[in-house]
Amino acid sequence: LNYEALKTFIADNFAAAILCYIALYIVVVALSLPGGLVMTLSGGLLFGWLPAAVATVAGATIGATVLFLIAKTSFGEALAAKAGPWIGKLRAGFQENALSYLLFLRLVPAFPFFVVNLAPALLGVPLRTYVLGTFFGIIPGTTAFSVLGAGLGSAVESQNAIYNACIAQHGGDATQCQYTIDTKSLITPELLAAFVLLGVVALIPVALKKWSKRNASV
């Protein structure tokens, strides 16, 4: 119901709005708070897929780097205890090839996001490797979910038009109109494109694995 008002506010205050979004994303990732996926979808919905993807990658990378640096301090032991046995399961992969393994973990959500952010710091991965792996590793998935969020915008706009027309028909009496989202309206070109992108993202690790095996045998 507030979609149009939010879009208007963002259009009038785009720089401030996008900076607030990035700052909030940094806090969410740095403090390992839930809601990253919802924020990414919301970013695509409100900013459009491209600005949202760029802002989300920036915010998530900075937030993850802040967590990495915190883990290098005396707080690292407490964070390691929170991560539990996950750290041991990741040790071998990071010791073999830290950058490739981090890229794989960013592309495949096989472990909790908090653990993937934390483990490299506790296992001695260099900061430069961590930042590069995080930045490039989250681009495909972030882009796909931003496109998905933008696709939801089309459905919201369609329903809002129907809802507003109903209110106008009843002389401004909103109690006569029910606000619902038609599931059929969710099938938009943007939504279909998002699912195609998600499918491509899911295939990237498989392709990387085959490429690594092929190079190893050469």
C-alpha atoms as a PDB file:
ATOM      1  CA  LEU A   1       0.000   0.000   0.000  1.00  0.00           C
ATOM      2  CA  ASN A   2       2.939   2.358   0.611  1.00  0.00           C
ATOM      3  CA  TYR A   3       4.851   1.290  -2.478  1.00  0.00           C
ATOM      4  CA  GLU A   4       4.122   4.410  -4.541  1.00  0.00           C
ATOM      5  CA  ALA A   5       4.933   6.732  -1.627  1.00  0.00           C
ATOM      6  CA  LEU A   6       8.239   4.939  -1.035  1.00  0.00           C
ATOM      7  CA  LYS A   7       9.123   5.066  -4.730  1.00  0.00           C
ATOM      8  CA  THR A   8       8.350   8.792  -4.830  1.00  0.00           C
ATOM      9  CA  PHE A   9      10.460   9.438  -1.731  1.00  0.00           C
ATOM     10  CA  ILE A  10      13.368   7.470  -3.181  1.00  0.00           C
ATOM     11  CA  ALA A  11      13.105   9.298  -6.506  1.00  0.00           C
ATOM     12  CA  ASP A  12      13.284  12.643  -4.680  1.00  0.00           C
ATOM     13  CA  ASN A  13      16.072  11.550  -2.328  1.00  0.00           C
ATOM     14  CA  PHE A  14      17.866   8.851  -4.272  1.00  0.00           C
ATOM     15  CA  ALA A  15      21.420   9.419  -3.005  1.00  0.00           C
ATOM     16  CA  ALA A  16      20.353   9.560   0.647  1.00  0.00           C
ATOM     17  CA  ALA A  17      18.064   6.549   0.255  1.00  0.00           C
ATOM     18  CA  ILE A  18      20.673   4.357  -1.416  1.00  0.00           C
ATOM     19  CA  LEU A  19      23.317   5.331   1.151  1.00  0.00           C
ATOM     20  CA  CYS A  20      20.903   4.480   3.984  1.00  0.00           C
ATOM     21  CA  TYR A  21      20.231   1.127   2.319  1.00  0.00           C
ATOM     22  CA  ILE A  22      23.967   0.391   2.042  1.00  0.00           C
ATOM     23  CA  ALA A  23      24.568   1.455   5.648  1.00  0.00           C
ATOM     24  CA  LEU A  24      21.733  -0.772   6.891  1.00  0.00           C
ATOM     25  CA  TYR A  25      23.051  -3.697   4.845  1.00  0.00           C
ATOM     26  CA  ILE A  26      26.527  -3.200   6.337  1.00  0.00           C
ATOM     27  CA  VAL A  27      25.059  -3.361   9.853  1.00  0.00           C
ATOM     28  CA  VAL A  28      22.967  -6.447   9.073  1.00  0.00           C
ATOM     29  CA  VAL A  29      25.957  -8.367   7.679  1.00  0.00           C
ATOM     30  CA  ALA A  30      28.525  -7.139  10.211  1.00  0.00           C
ATOM     31  CA  LEU A  31      26.277  -8.112  13.122  1.00  0.00           C
ATOM     32  CA  SER A  32      25.130 -11.332  11.385  1.00  0.00           C
ATOM     33  CA  LEU A  33      21.472 -10.332  11.699  1.00  0.00           C
ATOM     34  CA  PRO A  34      18.787 -12.235   9.768  1.00  0.00           C
ATOM     35  CA  GLY A  35      17.023 -10.598   6.853  1.00  0.00           C
ATOM     36  CA  GLY A  36      19.700 -10.246   4.181  1.00  0.00           C
ATOM     37  CA  LEU A  37      17.606 -11.983   1.522  1.00  0.00           C
ATOM     38  CA  VAL A  38      14.528  -9.883   2.334  1.00  0.00           C
ATOM     39  CA  MET A  39      16.651  -6.741   2.113  1.00  0.00           C
ATOM     40  CA  THR A  40      18.038  -7.767  -1.278  1.00  0.00           C
ATOM     41  CA  LEU A  41      14.541  -8.394  -2.627  1.00  0.00           C
ATOM     42  CA  SER A  42      13.330  -5.104  -1.146  1.00  0.00           C
ATOM     43  CA  GLY A  43      16.247  -3.288  -2.731  1.00  0.00           C
ATOM     44  CA  GLY A  44      15.319  -4.632  -6.155  1.00  0.00           C
ATOM     45  CA  LEU A  45      11.688  -3.734  -5.537  1.00  0.00           C
ATOM     46  CA  LEU A  46      12.373  -0.127  -4.516  1.00  0.00           C
ATOM     47  CA  PHE A  47      15.535   0.873  -6.405  1.00  0.00           C
ATOM     48  CA  GLY A  48      15.419  -1.283  -9.525  1.00  0.00           C
ATOM     49  CA  TRP A  49      17.597  -4.333 -10.054  1.00  0.00           C
ATOM     50  CA  LEU A  50      20.834  -2.640 -11.173  1.00  0.00           C
ATOM     51  CA  PRO A  51      21.156   0.057  -8.463  1.00  0.00           C
ATOM     52  CA  ALA A  52      20.022  -2.505  -5.873  1.00  0.00           C
ATOM     53  CA  ALA A  53      22.553  -5.107  -7.026  1.00  0.00           C
ATOM     54  CA  VAL A  54      25.432  -2.600  -6.938  1.00  0.00           C
ATOM     55  CA  ALA A  55      24.385  -1.249  -3.529  1.00  0.00           C
ATOM     56  CA  THR A  56      23.847  -4.719  -2.079  1.00  0.00           C
ATOM     57  CA  VAL A  57      27.223  -6.025  -3.257  1.00  0.00           C
ATOM     58  CA  ALA A  58      28.901  -2.935  -1.786  1.00  0.00           C
ATOM     59  CA  GLY A  59      27.052  -3.167   1.528  1.00  0.00           C
ATOM     60  CA  ALA A  60      27.485  -6.917   1.902  1.00  0.00           C
ATOM     61  CA  THR A  61      31.198  -6.796   1.028  1.00  0.00           C
ATOM     62  CA  ILE A  62      31.891  -3.950   3.476  1.00  0.00           C
ATOM     63  CA  GLY A  63      29.813  -5.596   6.201  1.00  0.00           C
ATOM     64  CA  ALA A  64      31.558  -8.933   5.717  1.00  0.00           C
ATOM     65  CA  THR A  65      34.943  -7.189   5.808  1.00  0.00           C
ATOM     66  CA  VAL A  66      34.018  -5.473   9.087  1.00  0.00           C
ATOM     67  CA  LEU A  67      33.110  -8.873  10.545  1.00  0.00           C
ATOM     68  CA  PHE A  68      36.391 -10.307   9.238  1.00  0.00           C
ATOM     69  CA  LEU A  69      38.385  -7.568  10.977  1.00  0.00           C
ATOM     70  CA  ILE A  70      36.412  -7.992  14.212  1.00  0.00           C
ATOM     71  CA  ALA A  71      37.155 -11.727  14.136  1.00  0.00           C
ATOM     72  CA  LYS A  72      40.869 -10.893  13.992  1.00  0.00           C
ATOM     73  CA  THR A  73      40.611  -9.156  17.377  1.00  0.00           C
ATOM     74  CA  SER A  74      40.026 -10.601  20.837  1.00  0.00           C
ATOM     75  CA  PHE A  75      36.361 -11.046  19.925  1.00  0.00           C
ATOM     76  CA  GLY A  76      37.390 -13.818  17.525  1.00  0.00           C
ATOM     77  CA  GLU A  77      37.227 -16.539  20.181  1.00  0.00           C
ATOM     78  CA  ALA A  78      33.648 -15.685  21.110  1.00  0.00           C
ATOM     79  CA  LEU A  79      32.639 -15.611  17.443  1.00  0.00           C
ATOM     80  CA  ALA A  80      34.387 -18.939  16.843  1.00  0.00           C
ATOM     81  CA  ALA A  81      32.401 -20.484  19.675  1.00  0.00           C
ATOM     82  CA  LYS A  82      29.218 -19.200  18.073  1.00  0.00           C
ATOM     83  CA  ALA A  83      30.183 -20.775  14.744  1.00  0.00           C
ATOM     84  CA  GLY A  84      30.697 -24.129  16.493  1.00  0.00           C
ATOM     85  CA  PRO A  85      31.895 -27.152  14.519  1.00  0.00           C
ATOM     86  CA  TRP A  86      31.359 -25.468  11.135  1.00  0.00           C
ATOM     87  CA  ILE A  87      34.870 -23.979  11.233  1.00  0.00           C
ATOM     88  CA  GLY A  88      36.549 -27.385  11.287  1.00  0.00           C
ATOM     89  CA  LYS A  89      34.520 -28.545   8.299  1.00  0.00           C
ATOM     90  CA  LEU A  90      35.776 -25.600   6.229  1.00  0.00           C
ATOM     91  CA  ARG A  91      39.429 -25.797   7.250  1.00  0.00           C
ATOM     92  CA  ALA A  92      40.662 -28.193   4.555  1.00  0.00           C
ATOM     93  CA  GLY A  93      39.047 -26.258   1.712  1.00  0.00           C
ATOM     94  CA  PHE A  94      40.588 -22.943   2.726  1.00  0.00           C
ATOM     95  CA  GLN A  95      44.004 -24.524   3.218  1.00  0.00           C
ATOM     96  CA  GLU A  96      43.942 -26.045  -0.281  1.00  0.00           C
ATOM     97  CA  ASN A  97      42.925 -22.938  -2.271  1.00  0.00           C
ATOM     98  CA  ALA A  98      41.422 -20.121  -0.250  1.00  0.00           C
ATOM     99  CA  LEU A  99      40.182 -17.929  -3.118  1.00  0.00           C
ATOM    100  CA  SER A 100      38.590 -20.715  -5.175  1.00  0.00           C
ATOM    101  CA  TYR A 101      36.977 -22.245  -2.111  1.00  0.00           C
ATOM    102  CA  LEU A 102      35.596 -18.891  -0.952  1.00  0.00           C
ATOM    103  CA  LEU A 103      34.142 -18.217  -4.402  1.00  0.00           C
ATOM    104  CA  PHE A 104      32.503 -21.647  -4.315  1.00  0.00           C
ATOM    105  CA  LEU A 105      31.020 -21.026  -0.865  1.00  0.00           C
ATOM    106  CA  ARG A 106      29.667 -17.641  -1.945  1.00  0.00           C
ATOM    107  CA  LEU A 107      27.980 -19.202  -4.961  1.00  0.00           C
ATOM    108  CA  VAL A 108      26.615 -22.272  -3.165  1.00  0.00           C
ATOM    109  CA  PRO A 109      24.778 -21.690   0.145  1.00  0.00           C
ATOM    110  CA  ALA A 110      26.051 -24.959   1.616  1.00  0.00           C
ATOM    111  CA  PHE A 111      26.983 -23.276   4.903  1.00  0.00           C
ATOM    112  CA  PRO A 112      25.361 -20.435   6.880  1.00  0.00           C
ATOM    113  CA  PHE A 113      26.290 -16.995   5.551  1.00  0.00           C
ATOM    114  CA  PHE A 114      27.578 -15.963   8.982  1.00  0.00           C
ATOM    115  CA  VAL A 115      29.973 -18.919   9.068  1.00  0.00           C
ATOM    116  CA  VAL A 116      31.304 -18.236   5.564  1.00  0.00           C
ATOM    117  CA  ASN A 117      31.934 -14.621   6.607  1.00  0.00           C
ATOM    118  CA  LEU A 118      33.683 -15.635   9.799  1.00  0.00           C
ATOM    119  CA  ALA A 119      35.638 -18.787   8.965  1.00  0.00           C
ATOM    120  CA  PRO A 120      38.271 -17.217   6.658  1.00  0.00           C
ATOM    121  CA  ALA A 121      39.400 -14.819   9.394  1.00  0.00           C
ATOM    122  CA  LEU A 122      39.735 -17.640  11.908  1.00  0.00           C
ATOM    123  CA  LEU A 123      41.549 -19.869   9.426  1.00  0.00           C
ATOM    124  CA  GLY A 124      44.207 -17.357   8.385  1.00  0.00           C
ATOM    125  CA  VAL A 125      42.885 -16.295   4.970  1.00  0.00           C
ATOM    126  CA  PRO A 126      44.513 -12.984   3.872  1.00  0.00           C
ATOM    127  CA  LEU A 127      42.215  -9.939   3.889  1.00  0.00           C
ATOM    128  CA  ARG A 128      42.798  -9.225   0.175  1.00  0.00           C
ATOM    129  CA  THR A 129      41.785 -12.773  -0.775  1.00  0.00           C
ATOM    130  CA  TYR A 130      38.723 -12.528   1.441  1.00  0.00           C
ATOM    131  CA  VAL A 131      37.556  -9.218  -0.019  1.00  0.00           C
ATOM    132  CA  LEU A 132      38.063 -10.346  -3.629  1.00  0.00           C
ATOM    133  CA  GLY A 133      36.344 -13.689  -3.046  1.00  0.00           C
ATOM    134  CA  THR A 134      33.428 -12.052  -1.282  1.00  0.00           C
ATOM    135  CA  PHE A 135      32.976  -9.255  -3.812  1.00  0.00           C
ATOM    136  CA  PHE A 136      33.023 -11.403  -6.935  1.00  0.00           C
ATOM    137  CA  GLY A 137      31.389 -14.421  -5.308  1.00  0.00           C
ATOM    138  CA  ILE A 138      28.185 -12.639  -4.288  1.00  0.00           C
ATOM    139  CA  ILE A 139      27.612 -10.771  -7.571  1.00  0.00           C
ATOM    140  CA  PRO A 140      25.705 -13.549  -9.436  1.00  0.00           C
ATOM    141  CA  GLY A 141      23.289 -14.433  -6.623  1.00  0.00           C
ATOM    142  CA  THR A 142      22.776 -10.814  -5.599  1.00  0.00           C
ATOM    143  CA  THR A 143      21.963  -9.825  -9.177  1.00  0.00           C
ATOM    144  CA  ALA A 144      19.467 -12.669  -9.545  1.00  0.00           C
ATOM    145  CA  PHE A 145      17.604 -11.810  -6.342  1.00  0.00           C
ATOM    146  CA  SER A 146      17.641  -8.088  -7.196  1.00  0.00           C
ATOM    147  CA  VAL A 147      16.009  -8.891 -10.546  1.00  0.00           C
ATOM    148  CA  LEU A 148      13.499 -11.045  -8.660  1.00  0.00           C
ATOM    149  CA  GLY A 149      12.672  -8.117  -6.360  1.00  0.00           C
ATOM    150  CA  ALA A 150      12.274  -5.785  -9.332  1.00  0.00           C
ATOM    151  CA  GLY A 151       9.871  -8.301 -10.881  1.00  0.00           C
ATOM    152  CA  LEU A 152       7.696  -8.150  -7.788  1.00  0.00           C
ATOM    153  CA  GLY A 153       7.392  -4.407  -8.380  1.00  0.00           C
ATOM    154  CA  SER A 154       5.417  -5.036 -11.574  1.00  0.00           C
ATOM    155  CA  ALA A 155       2.944  -7.178  -9.637  1.00  0.00           C
ATOM    156  CA  VAL A 156       2.566  -4.545  -6.908  1.00  0.00           C
ATOM    157  CA  GLU A 157       2.009  -1.759  -9.439  1.00  0.00           C
ATOM    158  CA  SER A 158      -0.645  -3.815 -11.224  1.00  0.00           C
ATOM    159  CA  GLN A 159      -2.501  -4.570  -8.002  1.00  0.00           C
ATOM    160  CA  ASN A 160      -2.248  -0.975  -6.796  1.00  0.00           C
ATOM    161  CA  ALA A 161      -3.861   0.220 -10.015  1.00  0.00           C
ATOM    162  CA  ILE A 162      -6.773  -2.192  -9.469  1.00  0.00           C
ATOM    163  CA  TYR A 163      -7.078  -1.191  -5.791  1.00  0.00           C
ATOM    164  CA  ASN A 164      -7.018   2.539  -6.516  1.00  0.00           C
ATOM    165  CA  ALA A 165      -9.603   2.132  -9.278  1.00  0.00           C
ATOM    166  CA  CYS A 166     -11.850   0.290  -6.815  1.00  0.00           C
ATOM    167  CA  ILE A 167     -11.530   3.108  -4.269  1.00  0.00           C
ATOM    168  CA  ALA A 168     -12.355   5.696  -6.925  1.00  0.00           C
ATOM    169  CA  GLN A 169     -15.385   3.660  -7.980  1.00  0.00           C
ATOM    170  CA  HIS A 170     -16.696   3.663  -4.396  1.00  0.00           C
ATOM    171  CA  GLY A 171     -16.215   7.368  -3.880  1.00  0.00           C
ATOM    172  CA  GLY A 172     -12.992   7.092  -1.905  1.00  0.00           C
ATOM    173  CA  ASP A 173     -14.311   4.500   0.562  1.00  0.00           C
ATOM    174  CA  ALA A 174     -11.373   2.080   1.001  1.00  0.00           C
ATOM    175  CA  THR A 175     -13.415  -0.225   3.236  1.00  0.00           C
ATOM    176  CA  GLN A 176     -15.256  -1.433   0.149  1.00  0.00           C
ATOM    177  CA  CYS A 177     -12.083  -2.654  -1.497  1.00  0.00           C
ATOM    178  CA  GLN A 178      -9.886  -5.604  -0.604  1.00  0.00           C
ATOM    179  CA  TYR A 179      -6.166  -5.460  -1.272  1.00  0.00           C
ATOM    180  CA  THR A 180      -4.845  -8.789  -2.548  1.00  0.00           C
ATOM    181  CA  ILE A 181      -1.969  -9.875  -4.744  1.00  0.00           C
ATOM    182  CA  ASP A 182      -3.060 -12.020  -7.679  1.00  0.00           C
ATOM    183  CA  THR A 183      -0.521 -14.840  -7.913  1.00  0.00           C
ATOM    184  CA  LYS A 184      -0.934 -14.849 -11.693  1.00  0.00           C
ATOM    185  CA  SER A 185       0.325 -11.280 -11.838  1.00  0.00           C
ATOM    186  CA  LEU A 186       3.583 -12.369 -10.219  1.00  0.00           C
ATOM    187  CA  ILE A 187       4.616 -14.146 -13.416  1.00  0.00           C
ATOM    188  CA  THR A 188       6.363 -11.202 -15.061  1.00  0.00           C
ATOM    189  CA  PRO A 189       9.245 -11.089 -17.570  1.00  0.00           C
ATOM    190  CA  GLU A 190      11.507  -9.853 -14.761  1.00  0.00           C
ATOM    191  CA  LEU A 191      10.497 -12.755 -12.556  1.00  0.00           C
ATOM    192  CA  LEU A 192      11.164 -15.292 -15.289  1.00  0.00           C
ATOM    193  CA  ALA A 193      14.532 -13.643 -15.984  1.00  0.00           C
ATOM    194  CA  ALA A 194      15.380 -13.893 -12.274  1.00  0.00           C
ATOM    195  CA  PHE A 195      14.706 -17.624 -12.209  1.00  0.00           C
ATOM    196  CA  VAL A 196      16.834 -18.078 -15.340  1.00  0.00           C
ATOM    197  CA  LEU A 197      19.648 -16.170 -13.613  1.00  0.00           C
ATOM    198  CA  LEU A 198      19.278 -18.292 -10.478  1.00  0.00           C
ATOM    199  CA  GLY A 199      19.541 -21.394 -12.640  1.00  0.00           C
ATOM    200  CA  VAL A 200      22.720 -20.049 -14.229  1.00  0.00           C
ATOM    201  CA  VAL A 201      24.141 -19.216 -10.797  1.00  0.00           C
ATOM    202  CA  ALA A 202      23.429 -22.772  -9.652  1.00  0.00           C
ATOM    203  CA  LEU A 203      25.408 -24.119 -12.627  1.00  0.00           C
ATOM    204  CA  ILE A 204      28.470 -21.915 -12.069  1.00  0.00           C
ATOM    205  CA  PRO A 205      29.976 -24.076  -9.283  1.00  0.00           C
ATOM    206  CA  VAL A 206      29.537 -27.195 -11.423  1.00  0.00           C
ATOM    207  CA  ALA A 207      31.311 -25.495 -14.327  1.00  0.00           C
ATOM    208  CA  LEU A 208      34.106 -24.274 -12.048  1.00  0.00           C
ATOM    209  CA  LYS A 209      34.568 -27.758 -10.620  1.00  0.00           C
ATOM    210  CA  LYS A 210      34.829 -29.321 -14.082  1.00  0.00           C
ATOM    211  CA  TRP A 211      37.224 -26.593 -15.186  1.00  0.00           C
ATOM    212  CA  SER A 212      39.424 -27.153 -12.138  1.00  0.00           C
ATOM    213  CA  LYS A 213      39.537 -30.915 -12.741  1.00  0.00           C
ATOM    214  CA  ARG A 214      40.361 -30.398 -16.410  1.00  0.00           C
ATOM    215  CA  ASN A 215      43.222 -28.027 -15.605  1.00  0.00           C
ATOM    216  CA  ALA A 216      44.517 -30.352 -12.907  1.00  0.00           C
ATOM    217  CA  SER A 217      44.758 -33.219 -15.413  1.00  0.00           C
ATOM    218  CA  VAL A 218      46.626 -31.119 -17.992  1.00  0.00           C
END
